[in-house]
PDB file of N, CA and C in Angstrom:
ATOM      1  N   UNK A   1      42.606  -5.362  13.582  1.00  0.00           N
ATOM      2  CA  UNK A   1      42.489  -6.909  12.736  1.00  0.00           C
ATOM      3  C   UNK A   1      41.006  -6.611  11.683  1.00  0.00           C
ATOM      4  N   UNK A   2      41.399  -7.080  10.398  1.00  0.00           N
ATOM      5  CA  UNK A   2      40.424  -7.093   9.782  1.00  0.00           C
ATOM      6  C   UNK A   2      39.502  -8.470   9.638  1.00  0.00           C
ATOM      7  N   UNK A   3      38.047  -7.981   9.302  1.00  0.00           N
ATOM      8  CA  UNK A   3      37.175  -9.351   9.577  1.00  0.00           C
ATOM      9  C   UNK A   3      37.608 -10.645   8.868  1.00  0.00           C
ATOM     10  N   UNK A   4      38.167 -10.280   7.979  1.00  0.00           N
ATOM     11  CA  UNK A   4      38.757 -11.151   7.066  1.00  0.00           C
ATOM     12  C   UNK A   4      39.706 -12.628   7.877  1.00  0.00           C
ATOM     13  N   UNK A   5      40.525 -12.126   8.624  1.00  0.00           N
ATOM     14  CA  UNK A   5      41.694 -12.821   9.189  1.00  0.00           C
ATOM     15  C   UNK A   5      40.920 -13.838  10.145  1.00  0.00           C
ATOM     16  N   UNK A   6      40.058 -13.868  10.830  1.00  0.00           N
ATOM     17  CA  UNK A   6      39.544 -15.086  10.891  1.00  0.00           C
ATOM     18  C   UNK A   6      39.028 -16.306  10.228  1.00  0.00           C
ATOM     19  N   UNK A   7      38.611 -15.650   9.142  1.00  0.00           N
ATOM     20  CA  UNK A   7      37.966 -16.562   8.102  1.00  0.00           C
ATOM     21  C   UNK A   7      39.139 -17.015   7.012  1.00  0.00           C
ATOM     22  N   UNK A   8      40.340 -16.385   7.297  1.00  0.00           N
ATOM     23  CA  UNK A   8      41.658 -16.864   6.631  1.00  0.00           C
ATOM     24  C   UNK A   8      42.202 -18.346   7.126  1.00  0.00           C
ATOM     25  N   UNK A   9      42.391 -17.489   8.779  1.00  0.00           N
ATOM     26  CA  UNK A   9      43.028 -18.739   9.300  1.00  0.00           C
ATOM     27  C   UNK A   9      41.890 -19.826   9.581  1.00  0.00           C
ATOM     28  N   UNK A  10      40.877 -19.993   9.442  1.00  0.00           N
ATOM     29  CA  UNK A  10      39.786 -20.966   9.168  1.00  0.00           C
ATOM     30  C   UNK A  10      40.296 -21.872   8.145  1.00  0.00           C
ATOM     31  N   UNK A  11      40.301 -21.008   6.705  1.00  0.00           N
ATOM     32  CA  UNK A  11      40.541 -21.469   5.623  1.00  0.00           C
ATOM     33  C   UNK A  11      42.502 -22.468   5.828  1.00  0.00           C
ATOM     34  N   UNK A  12      42.620 -21.722   6.251  1.00  0.00           N
ATOM     35  CA  UNK A  12      44.107 -22.154   6.501  1.00  0.00           C
ATOM     36  C   UNK A  12      44.206 -23.613   7.665  1.00  0.00           C
ATOM     37  N   UNK A  13      43.416 -23.552   8.177  1.00  0.00           N
ATOM     38  CA  UNK A  13      43.333 -25.301   8.962  1.00  0.00           C
ATOM     39  C   UNK A  13      42.751 -25.962   7.998  1.00  0.00           C
ATOM     40  N   UNK A  14      41.801 -25.396   7.058  1.00  0.00           N
ATOM     41  CA  UNK A  14      41.130 -26.177   6.434  1.00  0.00           C
ATOM     42  C   UNK A  14      42.029 -27.017   5.395  1.00  0.00           C
ATOM     43  N   UNK A  15      43.054 -26.321   5.088  1.00  0.00           N
ATOM     44  CA  UNK A  15      43.810 -26.333   3.854  1.00  0.00           C
ATOM     45  C   UNK A  15      45.093 -27.563   4.707  1.00  0.00           C
ATOM     46  N   UNK A  16      45.310 -27.454   5.712  1.00  0.00           N
ATOM     47  CA  UNK A  16      46.284 -28.198   6.442  1.00  0.00           C
ATOM     48  C   UNK A  16      45.356 -29.780   6.549  1.00  0.00           C
ATOM     49  N   UNK A  17      44.415 -29.550   7.197  1.00  0.00           N
ATOM     50  CA  UNK A  17      43.706 -30.983   7.345  1.00  0.00           C
ATOM     51  C   UNK A  17      43.209 -31.646   5.804  1.00  0.00           C
ATOM     52  N   UNK A  18      43.149 -30.823   4.753  1.00  0.00           N
ATOM     53  CA  UNK A  18      42.762 -31.161   3.373  1.00  0.00           C
ATOM     54  C   UNK A  18      44.333 -31.952   3.322  1.00  0.00           C
ATOM     55  N   UNK A  19      45.456 -31.401   3.210  1.00  0.00           N
ATOM     56  CA  UNK A  19      46.687 -31.599   2.964  1.00  0.00           C
ATOM     57  C   UNK A  19      46.944 -32.922   3.764  1.00  0.00           C
ATOM     58  N   UNK A  20      46.834 -33.036   4.948  1.00  0.00           N
ATOM     59  CA  UNK A  20      47.245 -34.517   5.589  1.00  0.00           C
ATOM     60  C   UNK A  20      46.506 -35.225   5.077  1.00  0.00           C
ATOM     61  N   UNK A  21      45.086 -35.010   4.822  1.00  0.00           N
ATOM     62  CA  UNK A  21      43.801 -36.068   4.211  1.00  0.00           C
ATOM     63  C   UNK A  21      44.509 -36.670   2.927  1.00  0.00           C
ATOM     64  N   UNK A  22      44.958 -36.101   2.156  1.00  0.00           N
ATOM     65  CA  UNK A  22      45.394 -36.134   0.577  1.00  0.00           C
ATOM     66  C   UNK A  22      46.648 -37.093   0.659  1.00  0.00           C
ATOM     67  N   UNK A  23      47.543 -36.744   1.649  1.00  0.00           N
ATOM     68  CA  UNK A  23      48.690 -37.248   1.923  1.00  0.00           C
ATOM     69  C   UNK A  23      48.142 -38.857   2.320  1.00  0.00           C
ATOM     70  N   UNK A  24      47.468 -39.062   3.538  1.00  0.00           N
ATOM     71  CA  UNK A  24      47.240 -40.615   3.738  1.00  0.00           C
ATOM     72  C   UNK A  24      46.119 -41.163   2.913  1.00  0.00           C
ATOM     73  N   UNK A  25      45.237 -40.401   2.090  1.00  0.00           N
ATOM     74  CA  UNK A  25      44.938 -41.222   1.128  1.00  0.00           C
ATOM     75  C   UNK A  25      45.742 -41.620   0.040  1.00  0.00           C
ATOM     76  N   UNK A  26      46.505 -40.735  -0.709  1.00  0.00           N
ATOM     77  CA  UNK A  26      47.585 -41.460  -1.678  1.00  0.00           C
ATOM     78  C   UNK A  26      48.593 -42.494  -1.327  1.00  0.00           C
ATOM     79  N   UNK A  27      48.422 -42.878  -0.061  1.00  0.00           N
ATOM     80  CA  UNK A  27      49.276 -43.799   0.967  1.00  0.00           C
ATOM     81  C   UNK A  27      48.372 -44.957   0.894  1.00  0.00           C
ATOM     82  N   UNK A  28      47.310 -45.181   1.249  1.00  0.00           N
ATOM     83  CA  UNK A  28      46.243 -45.856   1.566  1.00  0.00           C
ATOM     84  C   UNK A  28      46.678 -47.030   1.406  1.00  0.00           C
ATOM     85  N   UNK A  29      46.331 -47.268  -0.166  1.00  0.00           N
ATOM     86  CA  UNK A  29      46.512 -49.075  -0.513  1.00  0.00           C
ATOM     87  C   UNK A  29      47.491 -49.540  -0.834  1.00  0.00           C
ATOM     88  N   UNK A  30      49.212 -48.592  -0.843  1.00  0.00           N
ATOM     89  CA  UNK A  30      50.105 -48.879  -1.295  1.00  0.00           C
ATOM     90  C   UNK A  30      50.972 -50.068  -0.169  1.00  0.00           C
ATOM     91  N   UNK A  31      51.690 -50.663  -0.862  1.00  0.00           N
ATOM     92  CA  UNK A  31      52.782 -51.471  -0.198  1.00  0.00           C
ATOM     93  C   UNK A  31      54.119 -51.490  -0.862  1.00  0.00           C
ATOM     94  N   UNK A  32      54.964 -52.127   0.414  1.00  0.00           N
ATOM     95  CA  UNK A  32      56.587 -52.356  -0.583  1.00  0.00           C
ATOM     96  C   UNK A  32      57.243 -50.796  -1.228  1.00  0.00           C
ATOM     97  N   UNK A  33      57.728 -51.244  -2.593  1.00  0.00           N
ATOM     98  CA  UNK A  33      58.482 -50.472  -3.037  1.00  0.00           C
ATOM     99  C   UNK A  33      57.488 -49.426  -3.612  1.00  0.00           C
ATOM    100  N   UNK A  34      56.242 -49.601  -4.161  1.00  0.00           N
ATOM    101  CA  UNK A  34      55.205 -48.504  -4.869  1.00  0.00           C
ATOM    102  C   UNK A  34      54.772 -47.558  -3.170  1.00  0.00           C
ATOM    103  N   UNK A  35      54.968 -47.821  -2.111  1.00  0.00           N
ATOM    104  CA  UNK A  35      54.735 -47.088  -1.017  1.00  0.00           C
ATOM    105  C   UNK A  35      55.521 -46.199  -0.888  1.00  0.00           C
ATOM    106  N   UNK A  36      57.036 -46.705  -0.592  1.00  0.00           N
ATOM    107  CA  UNK A  36      58.296 -45.885  -0.721  1.00  0.00           C
ATOM    108  C   UNK A  36      58.435 -44.840  -1.761  1.00  0.00           C
ATOM    109  N   UNK A  37      58.030 -45.044  -2.684  1.00  0.00           N
ATOM    110  CA  UNK A  37      58.368 -43.927  -3.816  1.00  0.00           C
ATOM    111  C   UNK A  37      57.621 -43.225  -3.987  1.00  0.00           C
ATOM    112  N   UNK A  38      55.991 -43.175  -3.467  1.00  0.00           N
ATOM    113  CA  UNK A  38      55.025 -42.261  -3.475  1.00  0.00           C
ATOM    114  C   UNK A  38      54.944 -41.558  -2.196  1.00  0.00           C
ATOM    115  N   UNK A  39      55.400 -42.059  -1.073  1.00  0.00           N
ATOM    116  CA  UNK A  39      55.714 -41.651   0.409  1.00  0.00           C
ATOM    117  C   UNK A  39      56.717 -40.517   0.018  1.00  0.00           C
ATOM    118  N   UNK A  40      57.536 -40.762  -0.299  1.00  0.00           N
ATOM    119  CA  UNK A  40      58.876 -39.798  -0.593  1.00  0.00           C
ATOM    120  C   UNK A  40      58.193 -38.639  -1.308  1.00  0.00           C
ATOM    121  N   UNK A  41      57.532 -38.632  -2.280  1.00  0.00           N
ATOM    122  CA  UNK A  41      57.044 -37.762  -3.393  1.00  0.00           C
ATOM    123  C   UNK A  41      55.987 -37.145  -2.391  1.00  0.00           C
ATOM    124  N   UNK A  42      55.272 -38.025  -1.934  1.00  0.00           N
ATOM    125  CA  UNK A  42      53.813 -37.284  -1.080  1.00  0.00           C
ATOM    126  C   UNK A  42      54.257 -36.562   0.107  1.00  0.00           C
ATOM    127  N   UNK A  43      55.149 -37.039   0.833  1.00  0.00           N
ATOM    128  CA  UNK A  43      55.820 -36.116   1.793  1.00  0.00           C
ATOM    129  C   UNK A  43      56.136 -34.857   1.593  1.00  0.00           C
ATOM    130  N   UNK A  44      57.107 -34.589   0.568  1.00  0.00           N
ATOM    131  CA  UNK A  44      57.955 -33.442   0.047  1.00  0.00           C
ATOM    132  C   UNK A  44      56.606 -32.543  -0.563  1.00  0.00           C
ATOM    133  N   UNK A  45      55.532 -33.209  -1.142  1.00  0.00           N
ATOM    134  CA  UNK A  45      54.208 -32.006  -1.203  1.00  0.00           C
ATOM    135  C   UNK A  45      53.611 -32.074  -0.086  1.00  0.00           C
ATOM    136  N   UNK A  46      53.808 -32.527   0.813  1.00  0.00           N
ATOM    137  CA  UNK A  46      53.010 -32.247   2.346  1.00  0.00           C
ATOM    138  C   UNK A  46      53.638 -31.205   2.881  1.00  0.00           C
ATOM    139  N   UNK A  47      54.643 -31.382   2.806  1.00  0.00           N
ATOM    140  CA  UNK A  47      55.671 -30.296   3.635  1.00  0.00           C
ATOM    141  C   UNK A  47      55.776 -29.011   2.889  1.00  0.00           C
ATOM    142  N   UNK A  48      55.730 -29.129   1.687  1.00  0.00           N
ATOM    143  CA  UNK A  48      56.015 -27.750   0.970  1.00  0.00           C
ATOM    144  C   UNK A  48      54.254 -27.052   1.586  1.00  0.00           C
ATOM    145  N   UNK A  49      53.619 -27.767   1.442  1.00  0.00           N
ATOM    146  CA  UNK A  49      52.319 -27.084   1.569  1.00  0.00           C
ATOM    147  C   UNK A  49      52.168 -26.679   2.928  1.00  0.00           C
ATOM    148  N   UNK A  50      52.465 -27.455   3.889  1.00  0.00           N
ATOM    149  CA  UNK A  50      52.507 -27.214   5.282  1.00  0.00           C
ATOM    150  C   UNK A  50      53.359 -25.709   5.941  1.00  0.00           C
ATOM    151  N   UNK A  51      54.331 -25.949   4.773  1.00  0.00           N
ATOM    152  CA  UNK A  51      55.045 -24.769   5.253  1.00  0.00           C
ATOM    153  C   UNK A  51      54.674 -23.460   4.746  1.00  0.00           C
ATOM    154  N   UNK A  52      53.976 -23.388   3.294  1.00  0.00           N
ATOM    155  CA  UNK A  52      53.049 -22.164   2.685  1.00  0.00           C
ATOM    156  C   UNK A  52      52.094 -21.854   3.916  1.00  0.00           C
ATOM    157  N   UNK A  53      51.382 -22.773   4.537  1.00  0.00           N
ATOM    158  CA  UNK A  53      50.183 -22.585   5.451  1.00  0.00           C
ATOM    159  C   UNK A  53      50.816 -21.586   6.620  1.00  0.00           C
ATOM    160  N   UNK A  54      51.791 -22.464   7.086  1.00  0.00           N
ATOM    161  CA  UNK A  54      52.684 -22.065   8.437  1.00  0.00           C
ATOM    162  C   UNK A  54      53.289 -20.514   8.100  1.00  0.00           C
ATOM    163  N   UNK A  55      53.602 -20.240   6.783  1.00  0.00           N
ATOM    164  CA  UNK A  55      54.270 -18.754   6.361  1.00  0.00           C
ATOM    165  C   UNK A  55      52.876 -17.845   6.514  1.00  0.00           C
ATOM    166  N   UNK A  56      52.110 -17.812   5.740  1.00  0.00           N
ATOM    167  CA  UNK A  56      50.831 -17.190   5.508  1.00  0.00           C
ATOM    168  C   UNK A  56      50.183 -17.163   7.277  1.00  0.00           C
ATOM    169  N   UNK A  57      50.346 -17.802   8.078  1.00  0.00           N
ATOM    170  CA  UNK A  57      49.995 -17.671   9.643  1.00  0.00           C
ATOM    171  C   UNK A  57      50.742 -16.753   9.988  1.00  0.00           C
ATOM    172  N   UNK A  58      52.034 -16.877   9.936  1.00  0.00           N
ATOM    173  CA  UNK A  58      53.171 -16.021  10.583  1.00  0.00           C
ATOM    174  C   UNK A  58      52.748 -14.494  10.019  1.00  0.00           C
ATOM    175  N   UNK A  59      52.407 -14.366   8.595  1.00  0.00           N
ATOM    176  CA  UNK A  59      52.255 -12.952   8.080  1.00  0.00           C
ATOM    177  C   UNK A  59      50.697 -12.543   8.722  1.00  0.00           C
ATOM    178  N   UNK A  60      50.030 -13.177   8.631  1.00  0.00           N
ATOM    179  CA  UNK A  60      48.844 -12.987   9.489  1.00  0.00           C
ATOM    180  C   UNK A  60      49.053 -12.443  10.801  1.00  0.00           C
ATOM    181  N   UNK A  61      49.823 -13.102  11.669  1.00  0.00           N
ATOM    182  CA  UNK A  61      50.474 -13.089  13.222  1.00  0.00           C
ATOM    183  C   UNK A  61      50.773 -11.618  13.314  1.00  0.00           C
ATOM    184  N   UNK A  62      51.985 -11.677  12.225  1.00  0.00           N
ATOM    185  CA  UNK A  62      52.930  -9.995  12.136  1.00  0.00           C
ATOM    186  C   UNK A  62      51.863  -8.514  11.824  1.00  0.00           C
ATOM    187  N   UNK A  63      50.758  -9.174  11.214  1.00  0.00           N
ATOM    188  CA  UNK A  63      49.842  -7.691  10.776  1.00  0.00           C
ATOM    189  C   UNK A  63      48.662  -7.622  11.331  1.00  0.00           C
ATOM    190  N   UNK A  64      48.534  -8.946  12.790  1.00  0.00           N
ATOM    191  CA  UNK A  64      47.525  -8.341  13.800  1.00  0.00           C
ATOM    192  C   UNK A  64      48.140  -7.843  15.033  1.00  0.00           C
ATOM    193  N   UNK A  65      47.271  -6.952  15.417  1.00  0.00           N
ATOM    194  CA  UNK A  65      47.689  -6.127  16.542  1.00  0.00           C
ATOM    195  C   UNK A  65      47.726  -7.238  17.483  1.00  0.00           C
ATOM    196  N   UNK A  66      48.366  -7.150  18.650  1.00  0.00           N
ATOM    197  CA  UNK A  66      48.305  -8.145  19.739  1.00  0.00           C
ATOM    198  C   UNK A  66      47.010  -7.458  21.043  1.00  0.00           C
ATOM    199  N   UNK A  67      46.264  -8.068  21.216  1.00  0.00           N
ATOM    200  CA  UNK A  67      45.264  -7.649  22.221  1.00  0.00           C
ATOM    201  C   UNK A  67      45.588  -7.669  23.733  1.00  0.00           C
ATOM    202  N   UNK A  68      45.531  -6.712  23.894  1.00  0.00           N
ATOM    203  CA  UNK A  68      45.946  -5.979  25.368  1.00  0.00           C
ATOM    204  C   UNK A  68      44.870  -5.291  26.343  1.00  0.00           C
TER     205      UNK A  68
END
């Protein structure tokens, strides 16, 4: 395991938290039709970002030898 892996996992966790916060912030003051339109686009963007984070985590897990 490289020394960068724990740092990168922390960075990925922060990216995930930031993505959820931005999603929430983008919708906070919207109502009705404005909310519906913004929510669909924001949700798609959030899901893409979360998928990227999950993929990178999976890569790290595949490259990291199991402790044992």
